[in-house]
Amino acid sequence: MADTPDGNVDDRIWITSRTRMISERKALRRQNYSYLLLTYYSLFVVVISAFSEYYRNYYKLFDSINISASVVVLAASLVVAGFRFEAAAMVFRDCY
C-alpha cells in the first residue's frame, strides 16, 4: 500500500485490528468474570436460605436480609445482561 503523510496504511490497519482483538478479549473476560461473580452470589444466597433456621436464631432480621440479598442478585444479573459484553465482543471480532 502507499504511504500517507501519517505513516504506512498497513501499519495503521494492523494497529486497529490489534486494538480490536484486545478489546474483544477484555469484553469476553468481563463477561466471564461477571458470570462467575453472579454464580457465586447466587449460590451464596441459596446456601444461606437453606440454613435459614440456624441463622434466624442469631439474627432477628435474617428474613429481611435474605430477601434483600435475593433482590440484589436479581438486579445485578439484569444489569450485567444489559451490559451485553458478548455482543460487544462479537462486534469487535467482526471488525477485524
N, C-alpha and C. Protein backbone atom coordinates (compact mmCIF):
# COMPACT_ATOMS: atom_id res chain seq x y z
N MET A 1 0.84 -1.18 0.00
CA MET A 1 0.00 0.00 0.00
C MET A 1 0.88 1.24 0.00
N ALA A 2 0.29 2.32 -0.38
CA ALA A 2 1.03 3.57 -0.46
C ALA A 2 1.21 4.19 0.91
N ASP A 3 2.27 4.95 1.01
CA ASP A 3 2.50 5.68 2.26
C ASP A 3 1.64 6.93 2.27
N THR A 4 1.18 7.28 3.43
CA THR A 4 0.41 8.50 3.62
C THR A 4 1.22 9.45 4.47
N PRO A 5 0.80 10.70 4.56
CA PRO A 5 1.54 11.64 5.41
C PRO A 5 1.59 11.20 6.87
N ASP A 6 0.61 10.43 7.31
CA ASP A 6 0.56 9.99 8.71
C ASP A 6 1.33 8.69 8.94
N GLY A 7 1.80 8.05 7.92
CA GLY A 7 2.51 6.79 8.07
C GLY A 7 1.97 5.76 7.11
N ASN A 8 2.47 4.56 7.22
CA ASN A 8 2.09 3.47 6.35
C ASN A 8 0.67 3.01 6.69
N VAL A 9 -0.16 2.83 5.67
CA VAL A 9 -1.54 2.40 5.86
C VAL A 9 -1.59 1.00 6.46
N ASP A 10 -0.70 0.11 6.02
CA ASP A 10 -0.66 -1.25 6.55
C ASP A 10 -0.42 -1.24 8.05
N ASP A 11 0.46 -0.37 8.51
CA ASP A 11 0.73 -0.28 9.95
C ASP A 11 -0.49 0.18 10.72
N ARG A 12 -1.19 1.16 10.17
CA ARG A 12 -2.39 1.66 10.86
C ARG A 12 -3.49 0.61 10.89
N ILE A 13 -3.64 -0.15 9.82
CA ILE A 13 -4.65 -1.21 9.79
C ILE A 13 -4.30 -2.28 10.81
N TRP A 14 -3.03 -2.67 10.90
CA TRP A 14 -2.62 -3.69 11.86
C TRP A 14 -2.86 -3.22 13.28
N ILE A 15 -2.54 -1.97 13.58
CA ILE A 15 -2.74 -1.44 14.93
C ILE A 15 -4.22 -1.42 15.28
N THR A 16 -5.06 -1.03 14.32
CA THR A 16 -6.51 -1.00 14.57
C THR A 16 -7.04 -2.41 14.82
N SER A 17 -6.61 -3.38 14.02
CA SER A 17 -7.11 -4.74 14.23
C SER A 17 -6.60 -5.31 15.54
N ARG A 18 -5.37 -5.01 15.89
CA ARG A 18 -4.82 -5.48 17.17
C ARG A 18 -5.59 -4.88 18.34
N THR A 19 -5.93 -3.61 18.23
CA THR A 19 -6.70 -2.94 19.28
C THR A 19 -8.07 -3.59 19.43
N ARG A 20 -8.69 -3.94 18.33
CA ARG A 20 -10.00 -4.60 18.39
C ARG A 20 -9.89 -6.00 18.97
N MET A 21 -8.81 -6.70 18.69
CA MET A 21 -8.60 -8.03 19.29
C MET A 21 -8.46 -7.92 20.81
N ILE A 22 -7.73 -6.94 21.25
CA ILE A 22 -7.56 -6.73 22.69
C ILE A 22 -8.89 -6.35 23.33
N SER A 23 -9.66 -5.49 22.66
CA SER A 23 -10.97 -5.08 23.19
C SER A 23 -11.93 -6.26 23.25
N GLU A 24 -11.88 -7.14 22.25
CA GLU A 24 -12.73 -8.33 22.26
C GLU A 24 -12.38 -9.21 23.45
N ARG A 25 -11.09 -9.42 23.67
CA ARG A 25 -10.65 -10.25 24.78
C ARG A 25 -11.07 -9.65 26.12
N LYS A 26 -10.98 -8.33 26.26
CA LYS A 26 -11.40 -7.68 27.50
C LYS A 26 -12.89 -7.83 27.73
N ALA A 27 -13.69 -7.69 26.68
CA ALA A 27 -15.14 -7.83 26.82
C ALA A 27 -15.51 -9.25 27.23
N LEU A 28 -14.86 -10.24 26.62
CA LEU A 28 -15.15 -11.63 26.99
C LEU A 28 -14.69 -11.93 28.41
N ARG A 29 -13.57 -11.35 28.82
CA ARG A 29 -13.09 -11.54 30.19
C ARG A 29 -14.06 -10.92 31.19
N ARG A 30 -14.56 -9.74 30.87
CA ARG A 30 -15.54 -9.09 31.76
C ARG A 30 -16.82 -9.91 31.85
N GLN A 31 -17.25 -10.48 30.72
CA GLN A 31 -18.45 -11.30 30.73
C GLN A 31 -18.25 -12.53 31.62
N ASN A 32 -17.14 -13.21 31.45
CA ASN A 32 -16.87 -14.40 32.26
C ASN A 32 -16.74 -14.05 33.73
N TYR A 33 -16.08 -12.96 34.04
CA TYR A 33 -15.93 -12.52 35.43
C TYR A 33 -17.29 -12.21 36.04
N SER A 34 -18.13 -11.51 35.30
CA SER A 34 -19.45 -11.16 35.84
C SER A 34 -20.32 -12.41 36.03
N TYR A 35 -20.23 -13.37 35.11
CA TYR A 35 -20.98 -14.62 35.27
C TYR A 35 -20.51 -15.39 36.50
N LEU A 36 -19.20 -15.47 36.68
CA LEU A 36 -18.68 -16.17 37.85
C LEU A 36 -19.10 -15.48 39.15
N LEU A 37 -19.05 -14.17 39.16
CA LEU A 37 -19.43 -13.41 40.35
C LEU A 37 -20.92 -13.59 40.65
N LEU A 38 -21.76 -13.53 39.64
CA LEU A 38 -23.20 -13.73 39.84
C LEU A 38 -23.49 -15.16 40.30
N THR A 39 -22.78 -16.13 39.74
CA THR A 39 -22.97 -17.52 40.17
C THR A 39 -22.58 -17.68 41.63
N TYR A 40 -21.47 -17.09 42.01
CA TYR A 40 -21.01 -17.16 43.40
C TYR A 40 -22.05 -16.56 44.34
N TYR A 41 -22.53 -15.36 44.04
CA TYR A 41 -23.51 -14.73 44.92
C TYR A 41 -24.84 -15.47 44.93
N SER A 42 -25.23 -16.02 43.80
CA SER A 42 -26.47 -16.80 43.76
C SER A 42 -26.36 -18.05 44.63
N LEU A 43 -25.24 -18.74 44.51
CA LEU A 43 -25.03 -19.93 45.35
C LEU A 43 -24.97 -19.55 46.82
N PHE A 44 -24.35 -18.42 47.12
CA PHE A 44 -24.27 -17.95 48.50
C PHE A 44 -25.67 -17.71 49.07
N VAL A 45 -26.53 -17.06 48.30
CA VAL A 45 -27.90 -16.79 48.76
C VAL A 45 -28.68 -18.09 48.93
N VAL A 46 -28.48 -19.03 48.03
CA VAL A 46 -29.18 -20.32 48.13
C VAL A 46 -28.72 -21.07 49.38
N VAL A 47 -27.42 -21.10 49.64
CA VAL A 47 -26.91 -21.80 50.82
C VAL A 47 -27.41 -21.13 52.09
N ILE A 48 -27.37 -19.82 52.12
CA ILE A 48 -27.88 -19.09 53.29
C ILE A 48 -29.36 -19.39 53.50
N SER A 49 -30.11 -19.46 52.41
CA SER A 49 -31.54 -19.76 52.51
C SER A 49 -31.77 -21.18 53.01
N ALA A 50 -30.91 -22.10 52.60
CA ALA A 50 -31.07 -23.49 53.02
C ALA A 50 -30.84 -23.65 54.52
N PHE A 51 -29.96 -22.83 55.07
CA PHE A 51 -29.67 -22.91 56.51
C PHE A 51 -30.31 -21.76 57.28
N SER A 52 -31.46 -21.32 56.81
CA SER A 52 -32.11 -20.16 57.42
C SER A 52 -32.55 -20.40 58.87
N GLU A 53 -32.91 -21.62 59.19
CA GLU A 53 -33.33 -21.91 60.57
C GLU A 53 -32.20 -21.64 61.56
N TYR A 54 -30.99 -22.00 61.18
CA TYR A 54 -29.84 -21.78 62.06
C TYR A 54 -29.56 -20.29 62.23
N TYR A 55 -29.55 -19.54 61.13
CA TYR A 55 -29.21 -18.13 61.19
C TYR A 55 -30.32 -17.28 61.80
N ARG A 56 -31.55 -17.73 61.66
CA ARG A 56 -32.68 -16.98 62.20
C ARG A 56 -32.58 -16.86 63.72
N ASN A 57 -31.97 -17.84 64.37
CA ASN A 57 -31.79 -17.78 65.82
C ASN A 57 -30.85 -16.67 66.26
N TYR A 58 -29.88 -16.34 65.42
CA TYR A 58 -28.86 -15.35 65.78
C TYR A 58 -29.16 -13.95 65.25
N TYR A 59 -29.89 -13.88 64.15
CA TYR A 59 -30.20 -12.58 63.53
C TYR A 59 -31.70 -12.42 63.44
N LYS A 60 -32.22 -11.43 64.13
CA LYS A 60 -33.68 -11.22 64.14
C LYS A 60 -34.20 -10.81 62.77
N LEU A 61 -33.43 -10.07 62.03
CA LEU A 61 -33.86 -9.59 60.72
C LEU A 61 -33.34 -10.45 59.56
N PHE A 62 -33.06 -11.70 59.85
CA PHE A 62 -32.46 -12.56 58.83
C PHE A 62 -33.35 -12.70 57.59
N ASP A 63 -34.64 -12.83 57.77
CA ASP A 63 -35.54 -12.99 56.62
C ASP A 63 -35.49 -11.76 55.71
N SER A 64 -35.44 -10.59 56.31
CA SER A 64 -35.34 -9.36 55.51
C SER A 64 -34.00 -9.30 54.78
N ILE A 65 -32.94 -9.69 55.45
CA ILE A 65 -31.62 -9.70 54.82
C ILE A 65 -31.59 -10.69 53.66
N ASN A 66 -32.19 -11.84 53.86
CA ASN A 66 -32.22 -12.88 52.83
C ASN A 66 -32.99 -12.42 51.60
N ILE A 67 -34.13 -11.81 51.81
CA ILE A 67 -34.92 -11.29 50.69
C ILE A 67 -34.17 -10.18 49.97
N SER A 68 -33.53 -9.31 50.73
CA SER A 68 -32.76 -8.22 50.14
C SER A 68 -31.61 -8.76 49.30
N ALA A 69 -30.92 -9.78 49.80
CA ALA A 69 -29.82 -10.38 49.05
C ALA A 69 -30.32 -11.01 47.75
N SER A 70 -31.49 -11.62 47.79
CA SER A 70 -32.06 -12.21 46.58
C SER A 70 -32.40 -11.15 45.55
N VAL A 71 -32.95 -10.05 46.00
CA VAL A 71 -33.29 -8.95 45.10
C VAL A 71 -32.03 -8.33 44.50
N VAL A 72 -30.98 -8.21 45.30
CA VAL A 72 -29.71 -7.66 44.80
C VAL A 72 -29.13 -8.56 43.72
N VAL A 73 -29.17 -9.87 43.92
CA VAL A 73 -28.66 -10.80 42.91
C VAL A 73 -29.49 -10.69 41.63
N LEU A 74 -30.79 -10.59 41.76
CA LEU A 74 -31.65 -10.44 40.59
C LEU A 74 -31.33 -9.15 39.84
N ALA A 75 -31.25 -8.05 40.56
CA ALA A 75 -30.95 -6.76 39.92
C ALA A 75 -29.56 -6.78 39.27
N ALA A 76 -28.58 -7.37 39.94
CA ALA A 76 -27.23 -7.43 39.38
C ALA A 76 -27.21 -8.27 38.11
N SER A 77 -27.97 -9.34 38.08
CA SER A 77 -27.99 -10.16 36.87
C SER A 77 -28.63 -9.42 35.71
N LEU A 78 -29.64 -8.61 35.98
CA LEU A 78 -30.25 -7.81 34.91
C LEU A 78 -29.31 -6.73 34.42
N VAL A 79 -28.57 -6.12 35.33
CA VAL A 79 -27.61 -5.08 34.94
C VAL A 79 -26.49 -5.69 34.09
N VAL A 80 -25.96 -6.83 34.53
CA VAL A 80 -24.89 -7.48 33.77
C VAL A 80 -25.38 -7.89 32.39
N ALA A 81 -26.58 -8.39 32.31
CA ALA A 81 -27.15 -8.75 31.00
C ALA A 81 -27.29 -7.52 30.13
N GLY A 82 -27.58 -6.38 30.74
CA GLY A 82 -27.72 -5.14 29.99
C GLY A 82 -26.42 -4.61 29.43
N PHE A 83 -25.30 -4.97 30.04
CA PHE A 83 -24.00 -4.53 29.54
C PHE A 83 -23.68 -5.18 28.19
N ARG A 84 -24.20 -6.37 27.95
CA ARG A 84 -24.03 -7.08 26.69
C ARG A 84 -22.56 -7.18 26.26
N PHE A 85 -21.73 -7.69 27.15
CA PHE A 85 -20.31 -7.83 26.86
C PHE A 85 -20.06 -8.75 25.67
N GLU A 86 -20.86 -9.83 25.58
CA GLU A 86 -20.67 -10.77 24.49
C GLU A 86 -20.98 -10.14 23.13
N ALA A 87 -22.02 -9.34 23.09
CA ALA A 87 -22.37 -8.66 21.83
C ALA A 87 -21.29 -7.67 21.42
N ALA A 88 -20.74 -6.96 22.41
CA ALA A 88 -19.66 -6.03 22.11
C ALA A 88 -18.43 -6.77 21.59
N ALA A 89 -18.15 -7.93 22.18
CA ALA A 89 -17.01 -8.73 21.72
C ALA A 89 -17.22 -9.19 20.28
N MET A 90 -18.44 -9.56 19.95
CA MET A 90 -18.73 -10.01 18.58
C MET A 90 -18.57 -8.86 17.58
N VAL A 91 -18.96 -7.67 17.98
CA VAL A 91 -18.80 -6.51 17.10
C VAL A 91 -17.32 -6.26 16.84
N PHE A 92 -16.50 -6.33 17.89
CA PHE A 92 -15.06 -6.16 17.72
C PHE A 92 -14.49 -7.25 16.82
N ARG A 93 -14.98 -8.48 17.00
CA ARG A 93 -14.47 -9.60 16.19
C ARG A 93 -14.84 -9.43 14.74
N ASP A 94 -16.04 -8.96 14.47
CA ASP A 94 -16.47 -8.76 13.08
C ASP A 94 -15.65 -7.67 12.38
N CYS A 95 -15.13 -6.74 13.14
CA CYS A 95 -14.40 -5.62 12.54
C CYS A 95 -12.94 -5.92 12.24
N TYR A 96 -12.41 -7.00 12.75
CA TYR A 96 -11.05 -7.33 12.38
C TYR A 96 -11.06 -8.60 11.61
